Amino acid sequence: MQDSAYHELHTLRDLLRYAVSQFHASRLSFGHGSDNAWDEAVYLLLHTLDLPLDTLEPFLDARVLPEESARFLKLLDRRVSERVPVAYLTGEAWLQGHRFVVDQRVIVPRSPISELLADGLSPWVSDADDVDLVLDLCTGSGCLAVLAALAFPSAQVDAVDLSEEALEVADQNIELSGLDGRITTHRSDLFDQLPRCEYQVILCNPPYVNSDSMDRLPPEYRHEPALALAGGSDGMDLVRRLMRDAPAYMAPDGILVLEIGNEYDNFIAAFPHLEPVWLTTANAEDQILMLTREQLAS
């Protein structure tokens, strides 16, 4: 693909057109930072050329050097032939305007909980400054832990994961954020290795993909660690444990914010007597729920 393209693609506009055509022809799946071929091609090109990621227009008709074109086409070829998520190609992902380093030890940051944290979980948290302790379970890359520390400026945040490899990435992102004095990582199987603590906010984006859906995942998602995705036959294996154990780790007025993705029906079937508040974001509906300690304890 590359050799024939070297001599015909001269500008950013040429490369973008070619990339979008390749993405469509290859029937790629998106969802790791962008949901369409154009946005992903723009990001990959601007990143590869070390240009500002929000500034395309002035450069569209600028000519690219042969080595720049070759560098981009090499990444493009991997995206198409190996179906690698673009975040793994660039080594970074962006969430709510913040950059996080990523690789295949963690899933690509994309949780819609991040949108809720941008508003400090208002109105469910009346005063962000009053939050002292936050727990981020299944932290992965640490992205939600970092965003929580920014949302609740007085809080200490515990970031928990079972995977040592994921925590290595989380530690890197926490250090890069400059918040390492306020965020601590812990290796634990949910609450099992955690000391008792009364968290006012618990965030959790657990493995929740049911087994049938796991079998049908597009190739892009198979590059991500299955440990962070697979939730058992109905997707609720870890969620059941979470619901059972969370009250013992919550302040009397504590809340749990839980992401369940497309498993709404399975959640309702597993917990028919619970009446959570369903939190809507710009990109998610019936995918995030909130429960109080009182609801969980009962």
Foldseek 3Di string as FASTA:
>chain_A
DQPVVLVPQWFQLSQLVVLLVLCVVLVAQDDLQDGHRNLLSLQLLCLLVVHPSVDDVVRGGPTDDSVSSVSSVVLSCCCRPQVAHVCQVSQWHDDPRDIAGDHQAFRRDDDPVLVCLVVLVPPLPPDLQPFAEEEEEQCQLVPVVLSSCVSRVNYAYEYEEQDPSSVVNNVVRCVVSVNVVRYHYDHDPGCHPPDAAAGQEYEYEAQQDAPVVVVVDDSNCVSHDVRRHYQYHLSCNSVVVCLQPVLRRHDQFHKYKYFRAPSLVSVCVVCVPQDWAWDDDPPDGSGITMDTSVRSVD
